[in-house]
Amino acid sequence: MSEIKIKEAPVVKPQIKIDSETKQRLQSEVSEESQVIVHCSCEGGWDKKIRIWRSTFLYAKGSSHRSKLLHAENITFYPTWMNVERGETKYFTLIFSGLPKGCKVFDLVEEIPERGGFEVRNMVRNYSDVYAVEV
């Protein structure tokens, strides 16, 4: 029987050049598709009720950017209230559209036509864009 010799071919890495306009467009598309996740906790009290309005946003400090609330888990949307009994803590998650790449600090603001909207100011951005707050 004859011996078969296997010859390995060299790996060729092609030179790829992307013009700056295309790079910028792709980077903005990536940041638009990112998401920010905010895990919230809310301690109960006497006759405490909570809900979230769709008019809840993340505001990037130093810019006019506003990230939209995309989804909420384990909390009701306006106009339906959810009770939080004394001694109980409710946990819920808010998912927002991405913040701009250069954003370092942002605010979570529930814009509503009455008192008592959720607000968490001066949140410092982290690499994962996942946060835990008490509201």
N, C-alpha and C. Protein backbone atom coordinates (compact mmCIF):
# COMPACT_ATOMS: atom_id res chain seq x y z
N MET A 1 0.83 -1.17 0.00
CA MET A 1 0.00 0.00 0.00
C MET A 1 0.88 1.24 0.00
N SER A 2 0.50 2.21 -0.79
CA SER A 2 1.30 3.43 -0.84
C SER A 2 0.84 4.42 0.23
N GLU A 3 1.74 5.18 0.71
CA GLU A 3 1.45 6.16 1.76
C GLU A 3 0.94 7.46 1.13
N ILE A 4 -0.12 8.00 1.71
CA ILE A 4 -0.67 9.26 1.19
C ILE A 4 -0.10 10.41 2.00
N LYS A 5 0.45 11.37 1.30
CA LYS A 5 1.01 12.54 1.97
C LYS A 5 0.01 13.70 1.85
N ILE A 6 -0.26 14.30 2.99
CA ILE A 6 -1.19 15.43 3.01
C ILE A 6 -0.37 16.70 3.13
N LYS A 7 -0.63 17.59 2.24
CA LYS A 7 0.09 18.86 2.23
C LYS A 7 -0.88 19.94 2.69
N GLU A 8 -0.50 20.68 3.72
CA GLU A 8 -1.37 21.74 4.23
C GLU A 8 -1.19 23.00 3.41
N ALA A 9 -2.32 23.60 3.06
CA ALA A 9 -2.29 24.85 2.30
C ALA A 9 -2.18 26.02 3.27
N PRO A 10 -1.47 27.04 2.90
CA PRO A 10 -1.36 28.20 3.78
C PRO A 10 -2.71 28.94 3.86
N VAL A 11 -2.96 29.54 5.02
CA VAL A 11 -4.18 30.33 5.19
C VAL A 11 -3.92 31.71 4.61
N VAL A 12 -4.80 32.12 3.73
CA VAL A 12 -4.67 33.43 3.10
C VAL A 12 -5.72 34.36 3.69
N LYS A 13 -5.26 35.43 4.31
CA LYS A 13 -6.18 36.43 4.87
C LYS A 13 -6.24 37.61 3.92
N PRO A 14 -7.42 37.82 3.32
CA PRO A 14 -7.52 38.91 2.35
C PRO A 14 -7.45 40.28 3.05
N GLN A 15 -6.90 41.23 2.35
CA GLN A 15 -6.87 42.60 2.84
C GLN A 15 -8.23 43.23 2.55
N ILE A 16 -8.94 43.64 3.60
CA ILE A 16 -10.25 44.25 3.42
C ILE A 16 -10.15 45.70 3.85
N LYS A 17 -10.55 46.58 2.97
CA LYS A 17 -10.54 48.00 3.29
C LYS A 17 -11.98 48.51 3.24
N ILE A 18 -12.40 49.16 4.34
CA ILE A 18 -13.75 49.72 4.41
C ILE A 18 -13.61 51.23 4.49
N ASP A 19 -14.28 51.93 3.57
CA ASP A 19 -14.17 53.38 3.59
C ASP A 19 -14.82 53.96 4.85
N SER A 20 -14.38 55.14 5.25
CA SER A 20 -14.81 55.73 6.54
C SER A 20 -16.31 55.98 6.59
N GLU A 21 -16.93 56.34 5.47
CA GLU A 21 -18.39 56.58 5.46
C GLU A 21 -19.15 55.29 5.77
N THR A 22 -18.74 54.18 5.19
CA THR A 22 -19.38 52.89 5.44
C THR A 22 -19.15 52.45 6.89
N LYS A 23 -17.93 52.65 7.40
CA LYS A 23 -17.63 52.31 8.79
C LYS A 23 -18.54 53.08 9.74
N GLN A 24 -18.69 54.37 9.50
CA GLN A 24 -19.52 55.21 10.37
C GLN A 24 -20.97 54.75 10.33
N ARG A 25 -21.47 54.45 9.14
CA ARG A 25 -22.86 53.99 9.00
C ARG A 25 -23.06 52.67 9.74
N LEU A 26 -22.13 51.75 9.59
CA LEU A 26 -22.24 50.45 10.27
C LEU A 26 -22.18 50.61 11.78
N GLN A 27 -21.30 51.48 12.28
CA GLN A 27 -21.21 51.69 13.72
C GLN A 27 -22.49 52.29 14.28
N SER A 28 -23.12 53.20 13.55
CA SER A 28 -24.38 53.79 14.04
C SER A 28 -25.49 52.75 14.02
N GLU A 29 -25.49 51.85 13.04
CA GLU A 29 -26.49 50.79 13.01
C GLU A 29 -26.31 49.84 14.18
N VAL A 30 -25.08 49.53 14.55
CA VAL A 30 -24.82 48.65 15.67
C VAL A 30 -25.33 49.29 16.95
N SER A 31 -25.05 50.57 17.16
CA SER A 31 -25.50 51.21 18.40
C SER A 31 -27.02 51.33 18.44
N GLU A 32 -27.67 51.47 17.29
CA GLU A 32 -29.12 51.54 17.27
C GLU A 32 -29.75 50.20 17.65
N GLU A 33 -29.08 49.10 17.36
CA GLU A 33 -29.62 47.79 17.64
C GLU A 33 -29.32 47.31 19.05
N SER A 34 -28.47 48.02 19.77
CA SER A 34 -28.16 47.61 21.13
C SER A 34 -29.34 47.89 22.05
N GLN A 35 -29.30 47.31 23.22
CA GLN A 35 -30.36 47.51 24.21
C GLN A 35 -29.76 47.77 25.57
N VAL A 36 -30.53 48.46 26.40
CA VAL A 36 -30.15 48.72 27.77
C VAL A 36 -31.19 48.03 28.65
N ILE A 37 -30.72 47.25 29.62
CA ILE A 37 -31.61 46.50 30.49
C ILE A 37 -31.49 47.07 31.90
N VAL A 38 -32.65 47.42 32.47
CA VAL A 38 -32.67 47.97 33.82
C VAL A 38 -33.55 47.07 34.68
N HIS A 39 -32.92 46.37 35.64
CA HIS A 39 -33.64 45.55 36.61
C HIS A 39 -34.02 46.45 37.77
N CYS A 40 -35.29 46.50 38.10
CA CYS A 40 -35.79 47.40 39.13
C CYS A 40 -36.37 46.61 40.30
N SER A 41 -36.26 47.22 41.48
CA SER A 41 -36.92 46.67 42.66
C SER A 41 -37.70 47.80 43.32
N CYS A 42 -38.84 47.43 43.89
CA CYS A 42 -39.70 48.42 44.54
C CYS A 42 -40.26 47.80 45.81
N GLU A 43 -39.94 48.41 46.94
CA GLU A 43 -40.43 47.91 48.23
C GLU A 43 -41.85 48.39 48.47
N GLY A 44 -42.64 47.51 49.05
CA GLY A 44 -44.04 47.81 49.33
C GLY A 44 -44.21 48.74 50.51
N GLY A 45 -45.42 49.20 50.65
CA GLY A 45 -45.78 50.09 51.75
C GLY A 45 -47.29 50.09 51.89
N TRP A 46 -47.77 50.92 52.76
CA TRP A 46 -49.20 50.99 52.96
C TRP A 46 -49.88 51.49 51.70
N ASP A 47 -50.75 50.70 51.13
CA ASP A 47 -51.52 51.04 49.93
C ASP A 47 -50.63 51.47 48.76
N LYS A 48 -49.48 50.79 48.58
CA LYS A 48 -48.57 51.15 47.49
C LYS A 48 -48.96 50.41 46.22
N LYS A 49 -49.00 51.16 45.13
CA LYS A 49 -49.32 50.61 43.81
C LYS A 49 -48.31 51.16 42.81
N ILE A 50 -47.98 50.33 41.85
CA ILE A 50 -47.05 50.76 40.80
C ILE A 50 -47.58 50.34 39.44
N ARG A 51 -47.04 51.00 38.44
CA ARG A 51 -47.28 50.67 37.03
C ARG A 51 -46.23 51.44 36.24
N ILE A 52 -46.08 51.10 34.99
CA ILE A 52 -45.11 51.82 34.16
C ILE A 52 -45.84 52.42 32.97
N TRP A 53 -45.44 53.61 32.60
CA TRP A 53 -46.00 54.27 31.42
C TRP A 53 -45.06 54.05 30.26
N ARG A 54 -45.62 53.99 29.07
CA ARG A 54 -44.80 53.83 27.87
C ARG A 54 -43.94 55.07 27.62
N SER A 55 -44.27 56.15 28.30
CA SER A 55 -43.51 57.40 28.18
C SER A 55 -42.36 57.42 29.20
N THR A 56 -41.66 56.30 29.32
CA THR A 56 -40.49 56.17 30.17
C THR A 56 -39.28 56.09 29.25
N PHE A 57 -38.26 56.90 29.54
CA PHE A 57 -37.12 57.01 28.64
C PHE A 57 -35.81 57.03 29.43
N LEU A 58 -34.73 56.76 28.70
CA LEU A 58 -33.38 57.01 29.20
C LEU A 58 -32.87 58.23 28.45
N TYR A 59 -32.37 59.22 29.19
CA TYR A 59 -31.84 60.44 28.60
C TYR A 59 -30.33 60.47 28.77
N ALA A 60 -29.61 60.48 27.66
CA ALA A 60 -28.15 60.54 27.71
C ALA A 60 -27.74 61.96 28.09
N LYS A 61 -26.94 62.08 29.14
CA LYS A 61 -26.47 63.40 29.57
C LYS A 61 -25.55 63.99 28.51
N GLY A 62 -25.70 65.28 28.29
CA GLY A 62 -24.85 65.97 27.34
C GLY A 62 -25.26 65.81 25.90
N SER A 63 -26.45 65.25 25.66
CA SER A 63 -26.94 65.13 24.28
C SER A 63 -28.46 65.18 24.31
N SER A 64 -29.05 65.21 23.14
CA SER A 64 -30.51 65.23 23.06
C SER A 64 -31.07 63.81 22.86
N HIS A 65 -30.22 62.81 22.96
CA HIS A 65 -30.65 61.42 22.72
C HIS A 65 -31.60 60.94 23.82
N ARG A 66 -32.61 60.21 23.38
CA ARG A 66 -33.60 59.62 24.28
C ARG A 66 -33.83 58.18 23.85
N SER A 67 -33.54 57.23 24.75
CA SER A 67 -33.76 55.81 24.45
C SER A 67 -35.17 55.43 24.86
N LYS A 68 -35.86 54.77 23.96
CA LYS A 68 -37.27 54.42 24.13
C LYS A 68 -37.43 53.11 24.90
N LEU A 69 -38.49 53.04 25.73
CA LEU A 69 -38.85 51.80 26.41
C LEU A 69 -39.40 50.84 25.36
N LEU A 70 -38.75 49.69 25.22
CA LEU A 70 -39.17 48.69 24.23
C LEU A 70 -40.06 47.61 24.83
N HIS A 71 -39.76 47.24 26.09
CA HIS A 71 -40.47 46.12 26.70
C HIS A 71 -40.35 46.21 28.22
N ALA A 72 -41.34 45.69 28.92
CA ALA A 72 -41.30 45.63 30.39
C ALA A 72 -41.79 44.25 30.82
N GLU A 73 -41.10 43.68 31.80
CA GLU A 73 -41.45 42.37 32.35
C GLU A 73 -41.82 42.51 33.82
N ASN A 74 -42.89 41.84 34.24
CA ASN A 74 -43.32 41.75 35.64
C ASN A 74 -43.81 43.06 36.23
N ILE A 75 -44.29 43.96 35.38
CA ILE A 75 -44.96 45.18 35.84
C ILE A 75 -46.05 45.50 34.83
N THR A 76 -47.14 46.06 35.33
CA THR A 76 -48.25 46.41 34.45
C THR A 76 -48.01 47.77 33.80
N PHE A 77 -48.60 47.95 32.63
CA PHE A 77 -48.55 49.23 31.94
C PHE A 77 -49.77 50.07 32.33
N TYR A 78 -49.57 51.40 32.30
CA TYR A 78 -50.69 52.33 32.51
C TYR A 78 -51.81 51.93 31.56
N PRO A 79 -53.05 51.88 32.01
CA PRO A 79 -53.63 52.42 33.23
C PRO A 79 -53.80 51.40 34.36
N THR A 80 -53.32 50.17 34.18
CA THR A 80 -53.54 49.12 35.17
C THR A 80 -52.51 49.21 36.30
N TRP A 81 -52.99 49.21 37.54
CA TRP A 81 -52.13 49.28 38.71
C TRP A 81 -51.76 47.88 39.19
N MET A 82 -50.63 47.77 39.87
CA MET A 82 -50.18 46.53 40.48
C MET A 82 -49.88 46.83 41.95
N ASN A 83 -50.46 46.05 42.86
CA ASN A 83 -50.25 46.26 44.30
C ASN A 83 -48.87 45.77 44.72
N VAL A 84 -48.27 46.50 45.66
CA VAL A 84 -47.02 46.07 46.30
C VAL A 84 -47.30 46.13 47.79
N GLU A 85 -47.52 44.97 48.39
CA GLU A 85 -47.92 44.89 49.79
C GLU A 85 -46.77 45.28 50.73
N ARG A 86 -47.13 45.73 51.91
CA ARG A 86 -46.14 46.06 52.95
C ARG A 86 -45.28 44.83 53.22
N GLY A 87 -43.97 45.03 53.27
CA GLY A 87 -43.03 43.93 53.51
C GLY A 87 -42.68 43.14 52.26
N GLU A 88 -43.25 43.48 51.15
CA GLU A 88 -43.01 42.77 49.88
C GLU A 88 -42.11 43.64 49.00
N THR A 89 -41.32 43.00 48.17
CA THR A 89 -40.53 43.71 47.16
C THR A 89 -40.89 43.15 45.80
N LYS A 90 -41.26 44.02 44.89
CA LYS A 90 -41.55 43.62 43.51
C LYS A 90 -40.31 43.87 42.66
N TYR A 91 -40.02 42.92 41.79
CA TYR A 91 -38.90 43.03 40.88
C TYR A 91 -39.45 43.05 39.46
N PHE A 92 -38.97 43.98 38.66
CA PHE A 92 -39.39 44.05 37.27
C PHE A 92 -38.22 44.53 36.41
N THR A 93 -38.34 44.30 35.12
CA THR A 93 -37.25 44.62 34.19
C THR A 93 -37.77 45.49 33.07
N LEU A 94 -37.00 46.53 32.76
CA LEU A 94 -37.31 47.44 31.67
C LEU A 94 -36.22 47.30 30.61
N ILE A 95 -36.63 47.21 29.35
CA ILE A 95 -35.68 47.08 28.25
C ILE A 95 -35.85 48.29 27.34
N PHE A 96 -34.74 49.00 27.12
CA PHE A 96 -34.74 50.23 26.33
C PHE A 96 -33.88 50.07 25.09
N SER A 97 -34.14 50.92 24.10
CA SER A 97 -33.26 50.98 22.94
C SER A 97 -31.89 51.50 23.41
N GLY A 98 -30.88 51.29 22.60
CA GLY A 98 -29.51 51.59 23.00
C GLY A 98 -29.20 53.06 23.20
N LEU A 99 -28.21 53.30 24.02
CA LEU A 99 -27.68 54.64 24.25
C LEU A 99 -26.57 54.92 23.24
N PRO A 100 -26.27 56.19 22.99
CA PRO A 100 -25.16 56.50 22.07
C PRO A 100 -23.83 55.97 22.61
N LYS A 101 -22.95 55.64 21.72
CA LYS A 101 -21.67 55.04 22.09
C LYS A 101 -20.90 55.89 23.10
N GLY A 102 -20.91 57.19 22.94
CA GLY A 102 -20.14 58.07 23.81
C GLY A 102 -20.80 58.42 25.13
N CYS A 103 -22.00 57.93 25.38
CA CYS A 103 -22.73 58.27 26.60
C CYS A 103 -22.04 57.65 27.82
N LYS A 104 -21.82 58.48 28.83
CA LYS A 104 -21.18 58.01 30.07
C LYS A 104 -22.15 58.02 31.26
N VAL A 105 -23.12 58.95 31.24
CA VAL A 105 -24.08 59.11 32.33
C VAL A 105 -25.45 59.36 31.71
N PHE A 106 -26.51 58.80 32.34
CA PHE A 106 -27.85 58.97 31.81
C PHE A 106 -28.87 58.98 32.94
N ASP A 107 -30.08 59.43 32.60
CA ASP A 107 -31.20 59.46 33.55
C ASP A 107 -32.30 58.54 33.06
N LEU A 108 -32.97 57.86 34.00
CA LEU A 108 -34.19 57.11 33.70
C LEU A 108 -35.34 57.98 34.21
N VAL A 109 -36.25 58.35 33.30
CA VAL A 109 -37.35 59.24 33.67
C VAL A 109 -38.65 58.73 33.08
N GLU A 110 -39.65 58.59 33.95
CA GLU A 110 -41.00 58.24 33.52
C GLU A 110 -41.76 59.55 33.42
N GLU A 111 -42.01 59.99 32.19
CA GLU A 111 -42.70 61.27 31.95
C GLU A 111 -44.20 61.05 31.99
N ILE A 112 -44.82 61.53 33.07
CA ILE A 112 -46.26 61.31 33.24
C ILE A 112 -46.93 62.61 33.70
N PRO A 113 -48.23 62.74 33.46
CA PRO A 113 -48.94 63.97 33.80
C PRO A 113 -49.45 64.00 35.24
N GLU A 114 -48.72 63.34 36.14
CA GLU A 114 -49.10 63.32 37.55
C GLU A 114 -47.84 63.12 38.39
N ARG A 115 -47.97 63.28 39.70
CA ARG A 115 -46.83 63.08 40.59
C ARG A 115 -46.49 61.60 40.72
N GLY A 116 -45.23 61.32 41.11
CA GLY A 116 -44.87 59.96 41.47
C GLY A 116 -44.26 59.12 40.38
N GLY A 117 -43.84 59.71 39.26
CA GLY A 117 -43.20 58.92 38.21
C GLY A 117 -41.84 58.42 38.65
N PHE A 118 -41.42 57.29 38.11
CA PHE A 118 -40.11 56.74 38.42
C PHE A 118 -39.03 57.67 37.88
N GLU A 119 -38.02 57.92 38.69
CA GLU A 119 -36.86 58.70 38.25
C GLU A 119 -35.61 58.16 38.93
N VAL A 120 -34.61 57.90 38.13
CA VAL A 120 -33.29 57.54 38.66
C VAL A 120 -32.31 58.40 37.88
N ARG A 121 -31.67 59.32 38.58
CA ARG A 121 -30.78 60.30 37.95
C ARG A 121 -29.32 59.89 38.03
N ASN A 122 -28.58 60.36 37.05
CA ASN A 122 -27.12 60.23 37.02
C ASN A 122 -26.63 58.78 37.14
N MET A 123 -27.21 57.93 36.32
CA MET A 123 -26.76 56.54 36.28
C MET A 123 -25.45 56.49 35.47
N VAL A 124 -24.43 55.88 36.04
CA VAL A 124 -23.14 55.78 35.37
C VAL A 124 -23.15 54.56 34.47
N ARG A 125 -22.83 54.79 33.22
CA ARG A 125 -22.87 53.71 32.23
C ARG A 125 -21.77 52.69 32.48
N ASN A 126 -22.10 51.42 32.26
CA ASN A 126 -21.11 50.35 32.38
C ASN A 126 -20.97 49.62 31.04
N TYR A 127 -20.02 48.71 30.95
CA TYR A 127 -19.73 48.04 29.69
C TYR A 127 -20.85 47.10 29.24
N SER A 128 -21.65 46.59 30.20
CA SER A 128 -22.67 45.59 29.84
C SER A 128 -24.02 46.20 29.50
N ASP A 129 -24.25 47.46 29.88
CA ASP A 129 -25.55 48.13 29.72
C ASP A 129 -26.67 47.36 30.42
N VAL A 130 -26.34 46.73 31.55
CA VAL A 130 -27.31 46.07 32.41
C VAL A 130 -27.17 46.71 33.79
N TYR A 131 -28.30 47.14 34.37
CA TYR A 131 -28.27 47.91 35.62
C TYR A 131 -29.32 47.37 36.60
N ALA A 132 -29.08 47.62 37.87
CA ALA A 132 -30.03 47.27 38.93
C ALA A 132 -30.27 48.53 39.74
N VAL A 133 -31.56 48.92 39.88
CA VAL A 133 -31.91 50.13 40.62
C VAL A 133 -33.10 49.88 41.53
N GLU A 134 -33.20 50.70 42.57
CA GLU A 134 -34.38 50.71 43.43
C GLU A 134 -35.21 51.91 43.03
N VAL A 135 -36.51 51.68 42.85
CA VAL A 135 -37.40 52.81 42.49
C VAL A 135 -38.46 52.98 43.54
